[in-house]
Amino acid sequence: MNSKVSKRISRQVVFLFIEWLKTLVSEEEAAKVNKNNVWQMAPKDRLTYRDMTAHLSVHSPKWIRKKIKTLVRQRPGIDIESITMEELECLIKIGSPGVSQGHSPSF
């Protein structure tokens, strides 16, 4: 992957992670969240364990990065800065075996 694209993805990861974190805390605390203190307020558990296997926790920074890279590979012309959490969550629904693609929202 191009280093310029990688840097753009890194910036978008922080933006989306802040956006997601603000939905978890109260309005007073959400006003205090910024890119300088987001890592202190972030959940410490970045992995979940199932059947003795470690999996990335949903909405962790590494999970967000992985999903953005998947979108960039699928659609190379996509504007990285316009990617939203809704699009990333659609990837979960499309990728799960019980959901048909006809019922997933388009992005």
C-alpha atoms as a PDB file:
ATOM      1  CA  MET A   1       0.000   0.000   0.000  1.00  0.00           C
ATOM      2  CA  ASN A   2       1.173   3.488  -0.849  1.00  0.00           C
ATOM      3  CA  SER A   3       2.553   5.450   2.128  1.00  0.00           C
ATOM      4  CA  LYS A   4       0.321   8.436   1.324  1.00  0.00           C
ATOM      5  CA  VAL A   5      -2.761   6.223   1.342  1.00  0.00           C
ATOM      6  CA  SER A   6      -1.603   4.626   4.586  1.00  0.00           C
ATOM      7  CA  LYS A   7      -1.286   8.049   6.249  1.00  0.00           C
ATOM      8  CA  ARG A   8      -4.757   9.050   5.055  1.00  0.00           C
ATOM      9  CA  ILE A   9      -6.145   5.811   6.488  1.00  0.00           C
ATOM     10  CA  SER A  10      -4.403   6.474   9.816  1.00  0.00           C
ATOM     11  CA  ARG A  11      -5.983   9.925  10.054  1.00  0.00           C
ATOM     12  CA  GLN A  12      -9.415   8.524   9.228  1.00  0.00           C
ATOM     13  CA  VAL A  13      -9.010   5.760  11.837  1.00  0.00           C
ATOM     14  CA  VAL A  14      -8.486   8.348  14.572  1.00  0.00           C
ATOM     15  CA  PHE A  15     -11.445  10.417  13.346  1.00  0.00           C
ATOM     16  CA  LEU A  16     -13.806   7.408  13.237  1.00  0.00           C
ATOM     17  CA  PHE A  17     -12.579   6.099  16.588  1.00  0.00           C
ATOM     18  CA  ILE A  18     -13.269   9.478  18.221  1.00  0.00           C
ATOM     19  CA  GLU A  19     -16.703   9.562  16.596  1.00  0.00           C
ATOM     20  CA  TRP A  20     -17.502   6.074  17.931  1.00  0.00           C
ATOM     21  CA  LEU A  21     -16.119   6.813  21.409  1.00  0.00           C
ATOM     22  CA  LYS A  22     -18.308   9.903  21.714  1.00  0.00           C
ATOM     23  CA  THR A  23     -21.384   7.709  21.307  1.00  0.00           C
ATOM     24  CA  LEU A  24     -20.394   5.678  24.385  1.00  0.00           C
ATOM     25  CA  VAL A  25     -19.909   8.466  26.925  1.00  0.00           C
ATOM     26  CA  SER A  26     -22.164  11.201  28.274  1.00  0.00           C
ATOM     27  CA  GLU A  27     -22.508  14.522  26.464  1.00  0.00           C
ATOM     28  CA  GLU A  28     -20.247  16.311  28.962  1.00  0.00           C
ATOM     29  CA  GLU A  29     -17.473  13.757  28.503  1.00  0.00           C
ATOM     30  CA  ALA A  30     -18.029  13.637  24.730  1.00  0.00           C
ATOM     31  CA  ALA A  31     -17.218  17.344  24.563  1.00  0.00           C
ATOM     32  CA  LYS A  32     -13.847  16.630  26.211  1.00  0.00           C
ATOM     33  CA  VAL A  33     -12.811  13.881  23.758  1.00  0.00           C
ATOM     34  CA  ASN A  34     -10.229  14.950  21.184  1.00  0.00           C
ATOM     35  CA  LYS A  35      -7.348  13.333  19.318  1.00  0.00           C
ATOM     36  CA  ASN A  36      -4.898  14.124  22.141  1.00  0.00           C
ATOM     37  CA  ASN A  37      -6.755  12.300  24.913  1.00  0.00           C
ATOM     38  CA  VAL A  38      -8.732   9.670  22.992  1.00  0.00           C
ATOM     39  CA  TRP A  39      -6.256   6.909  23.846  1.00  0.00           C
ATOM     40  CA  GLN A  40      -6.645   7.488  27.608  1.00  0.00           C
ATOM     41  CA  MET A  41     -10.437   7.259  27.331  1.00  0.00           C
ATOM     42  CA  ALA A  42     -10.428   4.265  24.963  1.00  0.00           C
ATOM     43  CA  PRO A  43     -11.354   0.776  26.168  1.00  0.00           C
ATOM     44  CA  LYS A  44      -8.260  -1.240  27.076  1.00  0.00           C
ATOM     45  CA  ASP A  45      -9.547  -4.547  25.691  1.00  0.00           C
ATOM     46  CA  ARG A  46      -8.619  -4.682  22.017  1.00  0.00           C
ATOM     47  CA  LEU A  47      -9.118  -8.433  21.676  1.00  0.00           C
ATOM     48  CA  THR A  48     -12.007 -10.756  22.382  1.00  0.00           C
ATOM     49  CA  TYR A  49     -11.600 -14.460  22.961  1.00  0.00           C
ATOM     50  CA  ARG A  50     -13.885 -17.152  21.580  1.00  0.00           C
ATOM     51  CA  ASP A  51     -13.124 -20.872  21.531  1.00  0.00           C
ATOM     52  CA  MET A  52      -9.559 -20.227  22.719  1.00  0.00           C
ATOM     53  CA  THR A  53      -8.919 -17.924  19.730  1.00  0.00           C
ATOM     54  CA  ALA A  54      -8.195 -14.201  19.889  1.00  0.00           C
ATOM     55  CA  HIS A  55     -10.239 -11.944  17.593  1.00  0.00           C
ATOM     56  CA  LEU A  56     -10.076  -8.187  17.089  1.00  0.00           C
ATOM     57  CA  SER A  57     -12.652  -6.363  19.138  1.00  0.00           C
ATOM     58  CA  VAL A  58     -15.210  -4.561  17.006  1.00  0.00           C
ATOM     59  CA  HIS A  59     -14.588  -0.802  16.761  1.00  0.00           C
ATOM     60  CA  SER A  60     -11.001  -1.000  17.994  1.00  0.00           C
ATOM     61  CA  PRO A  61      -8.547   1.150  16.004  1.00  0.00           C
ATOM     62  CA  LYS A  62      -6.942  -1.903  14.436  1.00  0.00           C
ATOM     63  CA  TRP A  63     -10.377  -3.254  13.417  1.00  0.00           C
ATOM     64  CA  ILE A  64     -11.293   0.112  11.856  1.00  0.00           C
ATOM     65  CA  ARG A  65      -8.000   0.183   9.922  1.00  0.00           C
ATOM     66  CA  LYS A  66      -8.550  -3.360   8.652  1.00  0.00           C
ATOM     67  CA  LYS A  67     -12.072  -2.567   7.426  1.00  0.00           C
ATOM     68  CA  ILE A  68     -10.976   0.665   5.712  1.00  0.00           C
ATOM     69  CA  LYS A  69      -8.241  -1.244   3.899  1.00  0.00           C
ATOM     70  CA  THR A  70     -10.844  -3.779   2.786  1.00  0.00           C
ATOM     71  CA  LEU A  71     -13.002  -0.974   1.362  1.00  0.00           C
ATOM     72  CA  VAL A  72     -10.001   0.581  -0.415  1.00  0.00           C
ATOM     73  CA  ARG A  73      -9.127  -2.782  -1.981  1.00  0.00           C
ATOM     74  CA  GLN A  74     -12.720  -3.331  -3.132  1.00  0.00           C
ATOM     75  CA  ARG A  75     -13.105   0.179  -4.556  1.00  0.00           C
ATOM     76  CA  PRO A  76      -9.706   1.787  -5.311  1.00  0.00           C
ATOM     77  CA  GLY A  77     -11.221   5.147  -6.268  1.00  0.00           C
ATOM     78  CA  ILE A  78     -13.028   5.650  -2.942  1.00  0.00           C
ATOM     79  CA  ASP A  79     -12.406   8.863  -1.018  1.00  0.00           C
ATOM     80  CA  ILE A  80     -10.931   7.671   2.288  1.00  0.00           C
ATOM     81  CA  GLU A  81     -12.008  10.776   4.182  1.00  0.00           C
ATOM     82  CA  SER A  82     -15.657  10.143   3.291  1.00  0.00           C
ATOM     83  CA  ILE A  83     -15.773   6.629   4.818  1.00  0.00           C
ATOM     84  CA  THR A  84     -18.192   6.418   7.748  1.00  0.00           C
ATOM     85  CA  MET A  85     -18.805   3.902  10.518  1.00  0.00           C
ATOM     86  CA  GLU A  86     -22.050   2.904   8.763  1.00  0.00           C
ATOM     87  CA  GLU A  87     -20.084   1.686   5.754  1.00  0.00           C
ATOM     88  CA  LEU A  88     -17.729  -0.295   7.970  1.00  0.00           C
ATOM     89  CA  GLU A  89     -20.638  -1.855   9.832  1.00  0.00           C
ATOM     90  CA  CYS A  90     -22.177  -2.836   6.483  1.00  0.00           C
ATOM     91  CA  LEU A  91     -19.045  -4.862   5.800  1.00  0.00           C
ATOM     92  CA  ILE A  92     -19.843  -6.913   8.902  1.00  0.00           C
ATOM     93  CA  LYS A  93     -23.383  -7.588   7.692  1.00  0.00           C
ATOM     94  CA  ILE A  94     -22.291  -8.467   4.163  1.00  0.00           C
ATOM     95  CA  GLY A  95     -19.535 -10.742   5.406  1.00  0.00           C
ATOM     96  CA  SER A  96     -21.721 -12.711   7.804  1.00  0.00           C
ATOM     97  CA  PRO A  97     -23.098 -15.958   6.357  1.00  0.00           C
ATOM     98  CA  GLY A  98     -26.719 -15.430   7.427  1.00  0.00           C
ATOM     99  CA  VAL A  99     -27.229 -12.105   5.660  1.00  0.00           C
ATOM    100  CA  SER A 100     -27.908 -11.888   1.952  1.00  0.00           C
ATOM    101  CA  GLN A 101     -26.505  -8.957   0.013  1.00  0.00           C
ATOM    102  CA  GLY A 102     -29.938  -7.941  -1.207  1.00  0.00           C
ATOM    103  CA  HIS A 103     -30.903  -6.779   2.295  1.00  0.00           C
ATOM    104  CA  SER A 104     -27.741  -4.859   3.120  1.00  0.00           C
ATOM    105  CA  PRO A 105     -27.730  -1.082   2.664  1.00  0.00           C
ATOM    106  CA  SER A 106     -25.742   0.235  -0.272  1.00  0.00           C
ATOM    107  CA  PHE A 107     -22.888   2.638   0.244  1.00  0.00           C
END
